[in-house]
Amino acid sequence: MAAAQHLTLHDIIDIRDMVASTANIDDDPTWRFELVNANGLITALTTPFQAAFGAEAFPSVVDKAGALVFLLIANHPFRDGNKRIAAAALRLFLERNGRRLHATPPELYTFTMNVMQGRLRDAYINTWIEQHCTE
């Protein structure tokens, strides 16, 4: 199996910019989507690829995707838009790694809200992702 492809800081900033440009707000969206927790963002991008003693903490693409989406929401790296950014990052990460996410906008909204509210954790996040993607 090929090594999973990372999302980069530039990928997330591009996603943030896309989310900001499509936000339905009257004022300048730039400040609303400002990066306020750079360490949280870096942690979200790197944690899915951690390993110890030769064993990956998140061995499968779905495990990595679950960690990524959870940490992008939990670490709240941006002033606003964290769930929308996490949903778009999930889709991009899966596509980069040969999978396709099949979830409607309302399903993604419910999923990210459940993650944010602590209703979905760890294996439950991964199960949702597995049930909503194909290779």
N, C-alpha and C. Protein backbone atom coordinates (compact mmCIF):
# COMPACT_ATOMS: atom_id res chain seq x y z
N MET A 1 0.84 -1.18 0.00
CA MET A 1 0.00 0.00 0.00
C MET A 1 0.89 1.24 0.00
N ALA A 2 0.57 2.21 -0.85
CA ALA A 2 1.33 3.45 -0.94
C ALA A 2 1.10 4.30 0.31
N ALA A 3 2.11 5.09 0.62
CA ALA A 3 1.97 5.99 1.77
C ALA A 3 0.88 7.02 1.50
N ALA A 4 0.15 7.34 2.53
CA ALA A 4 -0.94 8.33 2.41
C ALA A 4 -0.36 9.70 2.08
N GLN A 5 -1.08 10.43 1.28
CA GLN A 5 -0.69 11.78 0.88
C GLN A 5 -1.19 12.78 1.92
N HIS A 6 -0.29 13.65 2.36
CA HIS A 6 -0.62 14.69 3.34
C HIS A 6 -1.40 15.83 2.70
N LEU A 7 -2.14 16.54 3.51
CA LEU A 7 -2.59 17.87 3.14
C LEU A 7 -1.55 18.84 3.70
N THR A 8 -1.30 19.89 2.97
CA THR A 8 -0.30 20.87 3.40
C THR A 8 -0.97 22.09 4.02
N LEU A 9 -0.16 22.90 4.64
CA LEU A 9 -0.65 24.17 5.17
C LEU A 9 -1.25 25.00 4.04
N HIS A 10 -0.61 24.99 2.89
CA HIS A 10 -1.14 25.74 1.74
C HIS A 10 -2.50 25.20 1.30
N ASP A 11 -2.67 23.88 1.35
CA ASP A 11 -3.98 23.30 1.01
C ASP A 11 -5.07 23.85 1.92
N ILE A 12 -4.78 23.88 3.22
CA ILE A 12 -5.79 24.33 4.18
C ILE A 12 -6.06 25.82 4.02
N ILE A 13 -5.03 26.60 3.77
CA ILE A 13 -5.23 28.04 3.55
C ILE A 13 -6.05 28.26 2.28
N ASP A 14 -5.79 27.48 1.23
CA ASP A 14 -6.61 27.58 0.01
C ASP A 14 -8.06 27.23 0.31
N ILE A 15 -8.28 26.18 1.11
CA ILE A 15 -9.64 25.80 1.49
C ILE A 15 -10.29 26.93 2.29
N ARG A 16 -9.55 27.48 3.24
CA ARG A 16 -10.06 28.59 4.05
C ARG A 16 -10.47 29.76 3.16
N ASP A 17 -9.63 30.08 2.18
CA ASP A 17 -9.93 31.19 1.27
C ASP A 17 -11.18 30.90 0.44
N MET A 18 -11.34 29.65 0.01
CA MET A 18 -12.53 29.26 -0.75
C MET A 18 -13.77 29.37 0.13
N VAL A 19 -13.69 28.90 1.36
CA VAL A 19 -14.82 28.99 2.29
C VAL A 19 -15.16 30.46 2.55
N ALA A 20 -14.15 31.29 2.76
CA ALA A 20 -14.39 32.71 3.02
C ALA A 20 -15.04 33.38 1.81
N SER A 21 -14.62 33.01 0.62
CA SER A 21 -15.16 33.66 -0.59
C SER A 21 -16.60 33.27 -0.86
N THR A 22 -17.03 32.14 -0.33
CA THR A 22 -18.41 31.70 -0.55
C THR A 22 -19.30 31.93 0.66
N ALA A 23 -18.73 32.54 1.71
CA ALA A 23 -19.52 32.80 2.92
C ALA A 23 -20.59 33.83 2.62
N ASN A 24 -21.75 33.59 3.15
CA ASN A 24 -22.89 34.49 2.93
C ASN A 24 -22.94 35.51 4.07
N ILE A 25 -21.97 36.44 4.03
CA ILE A 25 -21.91 37.47 5.06
C ILE A 25 -21.76 38.82 4.38
N ASP A 26 -22.25 39.86 5.05
CA ASP A 26 -22.27 41.19 4.45
C ASP A 26 -20.95 41.94 4.59
N ASP A 27 -20.23 41.70 5.67
CA ASP A 27 -18.99 42.44 5.88
C ASP A 27 -17.82 41.71 5.23
N ASP A 28 -16.64 42.25 5.39
CA ASP A 28 -15.42 41.65 4.84
C ASP A 28 -15.16 40.32 5.55
N PRO A 29 -15.17 39.20 4.80
CA PRO A 29 -15.02 37.90 5.45
C PRO A 29 -13.60 37.60 5.90
N THR A 30 -12.62 38.40 5.47
CA THR A 30 -11.22 38.08 5.74
C THR A 30 -10.95 37.89 7.23
N TRP A 31 -11.36 38.84 8.05
CA TRP A 31 -11.06 38.74 9.48
C TRP A 31 -11.81 37.59 10.14
N ARG A 32 -12.99 37.25 9.61
CA ARG A 32 -13.79 36.19 10.22
C ARG A 32 -13.13 34.83 10.09
N PHE A 33 -12.28 34.65 9.10
CA PHE A 33 -11.64 33.36 8.86
C PHE A 33 -10.14 33.42 9.15
N GLU A 34 -9.77 34.38 9.97
CA GLU A 34 -8.37 34.58 10.34
C GLU A 34 -7.84 33.36 11.10
N LEU A 35 -6.58 33.02 10.84
CA LEU A 35 -5.90 31.95 11.58
C LEU A 35 -5.59 32.48 12.97
N VAL A 36 -6.15 31.84 14.00
CA VAL A 36 -5.95 32.29 15.38
C VAL A 36 -5.22 31.26 16.23
N ASN A 37 -5.02 30.05 15.70
CA ASN A 37 -4.35 28.99 16.45
C ASN A 37 -3.47 28.20 15.48
N ALA A 38 -2.32 28.78 15.14
CA ALA A 38 -1.41 28.13 14.18
C ALA A 38 -0.93 26.78 14.70
N ASN A 39 -0.64 26.69 15.99
CA ASN A 39 -0.20 25.41 16.55
C ASN A 39 -1.28 24.34 16.42
N GLY A 40 -2.53 24.73 16.62
CA GLY A 40 -3.63 23.79 16.46
C GLY A 40 -3.77 23.30 15.03
N LEU A 41 -3.52 24.19 14.08
CA LEU A 41 -3.58 23.80 12.67
C LEU A 41 -2.45 22.85 12.33
N ILE A 42 -1.24 23.17 12.75
CA ILE A 42 -0.09 22.29 12.49
C ILE A 42 -0.31 20.93 13.14
N THR A 43 -0.84 20.91 14.35
CA THR A 43 -1.13 19.65 15.03
C THR A 43 -2.14 18.83 14.24
N ALA A 44 -3.18 19.48 13.72
CA ALA A 44 -4.20 18.77 12.94
C ALA A 44 -3.61 18.16 11.68
N LEU A 45 -2.65 18.83 11.07
CA LEU A 45 -2.05 18.34 9.84
C LEU A 45 -1.01 17.25 10.07
N THR A 46 -0.34 17.28 11.21
CA THR A 46 0.76 16.33 11.44
C THR A 46 0.38 15.11 12.27
N THR A 47 -0.54 15.26 13.20
CA THR A 47 -0.91 14.15 14.08
C THR A 47 -1.34 12.90 13.33
N PRO A 48 -2.13 12.99 12.25
CA PRO A 48 -2.54 11.77 11.56
C PRO A 48 -1.38 10.94 11.02
N PHE A 49 -0.18 11.52 10.95
CA PHE A 49 0.97 10.82 10.38
C PHE A 49 2.01 10.45 11.43
N GLN A 50 1.67 10.55 12.71
CA GLN A 50 2.61 10.20 13.77
C GLN A 50 2.79 8.70 13.87
N ALA A 51 4.00 8.32 14.28
CA ALA A 51 4.31 6.91 14.50
C ALA A 51 5.25 6.81 15.69
N ALA A 52 5.22 5.67 16.35
CA ALA A 52 6.13 5.40 17.46
C ALA A 52 6.58 3.95 17.37
N PHE A 53 7.87 3.73 17.50
CA PHE A 53 8.44 2.39 17.46
C PHE A 53 8.03 1.64 16.19
N GLY A 54 7.96 2.37 15.09
CA GLY A 54 7.65 1.77 13.80
C GLY A 54 6.18 1.52 13.54
N ALA A 55 5.32 1.88 14.46
CA ALA A 55 3.88 1.65 14.28
C ALA A 55 3.17 2.99 14.13
N GLU A 56 2.38 3.11 13.07
CA GLU A 56 1.62 4.34 12.86
C GLU A 56 0.48 4.44 13.87
N ALA A 57 0.29 5.62 14.41
CA ALA A 57 -0.82 5.85 15.34
C ALA A 57 -2.16 5.75 14.62
N PHE A 58 -2.17 6.15 13.36
CA PHE A 58 -3.38 6.13 12.53
C PHE A 58 -3.02 5.40 11.23
N PRO A 59 -3.12 4.08 11.22
CA PRO A 59 -2.56 3.30 10.11
C PRO A 59 -3.30 3.40 8.78
N SER A 60 -4.59 3.54 8.77
CA SER A 60 -5.32 3.54 7.50
C SER A 60 -5.65 4.97 7.06
N VAL A 61 -6.01 5.10 5.80
CA VAL A 61 -6.42 6.41 5.27
C VAL A 61 -7.63 6.92 6.05
N VAL A 62 -8.57 6.04 6.36
CA VAL A 62 -9.76 6.45 7.12
C VAL A 62 -9.37 6.89 8.53
N ASP A 63 -8.45 6.18 9.17
CA ASP A 63 -7.97 6.59 10.50
C ASP A 63 -7.36 7.99 10.44
N LYS A 64 -6.53 8.22 9.43
CA LYS A 64 -5.89 9.52 9.27
C LYS A 64 -6.94 10.60 8.98
N ALA A 65 -7.90 10.29 8.13
CA ALA A 65 -8.96 11.25 7.81
C ALA A 65 -9.76 11.60 9.05
N GLY A 66 -10.06 10.60 9.87
CA GLY A 66 -10.80 10.84 11.10
C GLY A 66 -10.05 11.74 12.06
N ALA A 67 -8.75 11.49 12.21
CA ALA A 67 -7.93 12.34 13.08
C ALA A 67 -7.87 13.76 12.53
N LEU A 68 -7.71 13.89 11.23
CA LEU A 68 -7.63 15.21 10.61
C LEU A 68 -8.90 16.02 10.84
N VAL A 69 -10.04 15.44 10.53
CA VAL A 69 -11.30 16.19 10.66
C VAL A 69 -11.59 16.51 12.14
N PHE A 70 -11.34 15.55 13.02
CA PHE A 70 -11.56 15.80 14.45
C PHE A 70 -10.70 16.96 14.94
N LEU A 71 -9.41 16.93 14.60
CA LEU A 71 -8.50 17.96 15.11
C LEU A 71 -8.73 19.32 14.48
N LEU A 72 -9.14 19.35 13.21
CA LEU A 72 -9.46 20.65 12.60
C LEU A 72 -10.67 21.29 13.29
N ILE A 73 -11.58 20.47 13.76
CA ILE A 73 -12.74 21.01 14.47
C ILE A 73 -12.39 21.31 15.93
N ALA A 74 -11.77 20.36 16.61
CA ALA A 74 -11.50 20.51 18.05
C ALA A 74 -10.47 21.60 18.35
N ASN A 75 -9.45 21.73 17.50
CA ASN A 75 -8.39 22.70 17.76
C ASN A 75 -8.78 24.13 17.38
N HIS A 76 -9.87 24.28 16.66
CA HIS A 76 -10.42 25.59 16.30
C HIS A 76 -9.32 26.55 15.81
N PRO A 77 -8.62 26.18 14.73
CA PRO A 77 -7.51 27.03 14.29
C PRO A 77 -7.92 28.37 13.68
N PHE A 78 -9.15 28.48 13.21
CA PHE A 78 -9.61 29.71 12.58
C PHE A 78 -10.70 30.36 13.43
N ARG A 79 -10.82 31.67 13.32
CA ARG A 79 -11.83 32.39 14.08
C ARG A 79 -13.23 31.86 13.76
N ASP A 80 -13.49 31.56 12.49
CA ASP A 80 -14.79 31.07 12.05
C ASP A 80 -14.56 30.09 10.91
N GLY A 81 -15.53 29.23 10.66
CA GLY A 81 -15.48 28.34 9.51
C GLY A 81 -14.78 27.02 9.73
N ASN A 82 -14.45 26.69 10.96
CA ASN A 82 -13.66 25.48 11.22
C ASN A 82 -14.36 24.20 10.75
N LYS A 83 -15.65 24.10 10.95
CA LYS A 83 -16.37 22.89 10.52
C LYS A 83 -16.44 22.81 9.00
N ARG A 84 -16.68 23.95 8.36
CA ARG A 84 -16.72 23.97 6.89
C ARG A 84 -15.35 23.65 6.31
N ILE A 85 -14.31 24.20 6.91
CA ILE A 85 -12.95 23.92 6.46
C ILE A 85 -12.62 22.45 6.68
N ALA A 86 -13.01 21.90 7.83
CA ALA A 86 -12.75 20.48 8.11
C ALA A 86 -13.47 19.58 7.11
N ALA A 87 -14.70 19.92 6.76
CA ALA A 87 -15.46 19.11 5.80
C ALA A 87 -14.79 19.13 4.43
N ALA A 88 -14.36 20.31 3.99
CA ALA A 88 -13.68 20.41 2.69
C ALA A 88 -12.33 19.72 2.72
N ALA A 89 -11.62 19.82 3.85
CA ALA A 89 -10.33 19.15 3.99
C ALA A 89 -10.51 17.63 3.97
N LEU A 90 -11.56 17.15 4.61
CA LEU A 90 -11.85 15.71 4.59
C LEU A 90 -12.04 15.23 3.16
N ARG A 91 -12.84 15.95 2.41
CA ARG A 91 -13.10 15.57 1.01
C ARG A 91 -11.79 15.55 0.21
N LEU A 92 -10.98 16.61 0.33
CA LEU A 92 -9.72 16.69 -0.41
C LEU A 92 -8.76 15.59 0.01
N PHE A 93 -8.63 15.37 1.32
CA PHE A 93 -7.72 14.34 1.81
C PHE A 93 -8.10 12.97 1.25
N LEU A 94 -9.37 12.64 1.30
CA LEU A 94 -9.82 11.35 0.78
C LEU A 94 -9.54 11.25 -0.72
N GLU A 95 -9.82 12.30 -1.47
CA GLU A 95 -9.58 12.28 -2.92
C GLU A 95 -8.10 12.10 -3.23
N ARG A 96 -7.25 12.78 -2.48
CA ARG A 96 -5.80 12.64 -2.69
C ARG A 96 -5.33 11.22 -2.42
N ASN A 97 -6.08 10.52 -1.63
CA ASN A 97 -5.69 9.17 -1.24
C ASN A 97 -6.58 8.10 -1.86
N GLY A 98 -7.13 8.41 -3.02
CA GLY A 98 -7.83 7.42 -3.82
C GLY A 98 -9.23 7.06 -3.37
N ARG A 99 -9.83 7.90 -2.55
CA ARG A 99 -11.19 7.64 -2.09
C ARG A 99 -12.08 8.82 -2.46
N ARG A 100 -13.35 8.53 -2.51
CA ARG A 100 -14.32 9.59 -2.83
C ARG A 100 -15.36 9.65 -1.71
N LEU A 101 -15.60 10.85 -1.21
CA LEU A 101 -16.59 11.05 -0.16
C LEU A 101 -17.96 11.22 -0.80
N HIS A 102 -18.92 10.44 -0.33
CA HIS A 102 -20.30 10.52 -0.81
C HIS A 102 -21.17 10.99 0.35
N ALA A 103 -21.28 12.29 0.50
CA ALA A 103 -22.10 12.87 1.56
C ALA A 103 -22.67 14.18 1.04
N THR A 104 -23.94 14.38 1.30
CA THR A 104 -24.59 15.61 0.90
C THR A 104 -24.17 16.74 1.84
N PRO A 105 -24.34 17.99 1.44
CA PRO A 105 -24.04 19.08 2.37
C PRO A 105 -24.77 18.95 3.71
N PRO A 106 -26.06 18.58 3.75
CA PRO A 106 -26.70 18.40 5.06
C PRO A 106 -26.07 17.26 5.88
N GLU A 107 -25.66 16.18 5.22
CA GLU A 107 -25.00 15.09 5.94
C GLU A 107 -23.66 15.54 6.51
N LEU A 108 -22.90 16.29 5.73
CA LEU A 108 -21.62 16.80 6.22
C LEU A 108 -21.83 17.78 7.36
N TYR A 109 -22.84 18.61 7.26
CA TYR A 109 -23.15 19.56 8.33
C TYR A 109 -23.46 18.80 9.62
N THR A 110 -24.33 17.81 9.54
CA THR A 110 -24.69 17.02 10.72
C THR A 110 -23.47 16.31 11.29
N PHE A 111 -22.66 15.74 10.41
CA PHE A 111 -21.44 15.05 10.84
C PHE A 111 -20.51 16.00 11.59
N THR A 112 -20.21 17.16 11.00
CA THR A 112 -19.28 18.07 11.66
C THR A 112 -19.87 18.66 12.95
N MET A 113 -21.17 18.89 12.97
CA MET A 113 -21.81 19.35 14.22
C MET A 113 -21.69 18.29 15.30
N ASN A 114 -21.92 17.03 14.94
CA ASN A 114 -21.81 15.94 15.91
C ASN A 114 -20.39 15.79 16.43
N VAL A 115 -19.40 15.97 15.56
CA VAL A 115 -18.01 15.93 16.00
C VAL A 115 -17.75 17.09 16.96
N MET A 116 -18.18 18.29 16.58
CA MET A 116 -17.94 19.48 17.40
C MET A 116 -18.61 19.35 18.78
N GLN A 117 -19.80 18.77 18.81
CA GLN A 117 -20.54 18.65 20.07
C GLN A 117 -20.12 17.42 20.87
N GLY A 118 -19.15 16.67 20.39
CA GLY A 118 -18.65 15.51 21.12
C GLY A 118 -19.51 14.27 21.00
N ARG A 119 -20.46 14.28 20.08
CA ARG A 119 -21.34 13.12 19.89
C ARG A 119 -20.65 12.01 19.10
N LEU A 120 -19.66 12.38 18.31
CA LEU A 120 -18.89 11.40 17.54
C LEU A 120 -17.43 11.52 17.94
N ARG A 121 -16.82 10.41 18.29
CA ARG A 121 -15.41 10.38 18.64
C ARG A 121 -14.78 9.14 18.04
N ASP A 122 -13.50 9.22 17.80
CA ASP A 122 -12.63 8.12 17.40
C ASP A 122 -13.26 7.14 16.42
N ALA A 123 -13.56 5.93 16.87
CA ALA A 123 -14.06 4.89 15.96
C ALA A 123 -15.37 5.29 15.31
N TYR A 124 -16.20 6.06 15.99
CA TYR A 124 -17.47 6.48 15.40
C TYR A 124 -17.26 7.45 14.24
N ILE A 125 -16.26 8.32 14.37
CA ILE A 125 -15.91 9.21 13.26
C ILE A 125 -15.44 8.38 12.08
N ASN A 126 -14.55 7.43 12.36
CA ASN A 126 -14.01 6.59 11.29
C ASN A 126 -15.10 5.76 10.64
N THR A 127 -16.03 5.26 11.42
CA THR A 127 -17.14 4.47 10.86
C THR A 127 -17.98 5.33 9.93
N TRP A 128 -18.27 6.56 10.34
CA TRP A 128 -19.05 7.46 9.48
C TRP A 128 -18.31 7.69 8.16
N ILE A 129 -17.01 7.97 8.25
CA ILE A 129 -16.22 8.22 7.03
C ILE A 129 -16.23 6.97 6.15
N GLU A 130 -15.99 5.82 6.74
CA GLU A 130 -15.97 4.57 5.97
C GLU A 130 -17.30 4.33 5.27
N GLN A 131 -18.39 4.63 5.95
CA GLN A 131 -19.72 4.42 5.37
C GLN A 131 -20.05 5.43 4.27
N HIS A 132 -19.31 6.53 4.22
CA HIS A 132 -19.61 7.58 3.25
C HIS A 132 -18.52 7.76 2.20
N CYS A 133 -17.65 6.78 2.05
CA CYS A 133 -16.64 6.92 0.99
C CYS A 133 -16.42 5.59 0.28
N THR A 134 -15.92 5.71 -0.94
CA THR A 134 -15.59 4.54 -1.75
C THR A 134 -14.19 4.72 -2.31
N GLU A 135 -13.61 3.62 -2.71
CA GLU A 135 -12.27 3.67 -3.33
C GLU A 135 -12.41 3.87 -4.81
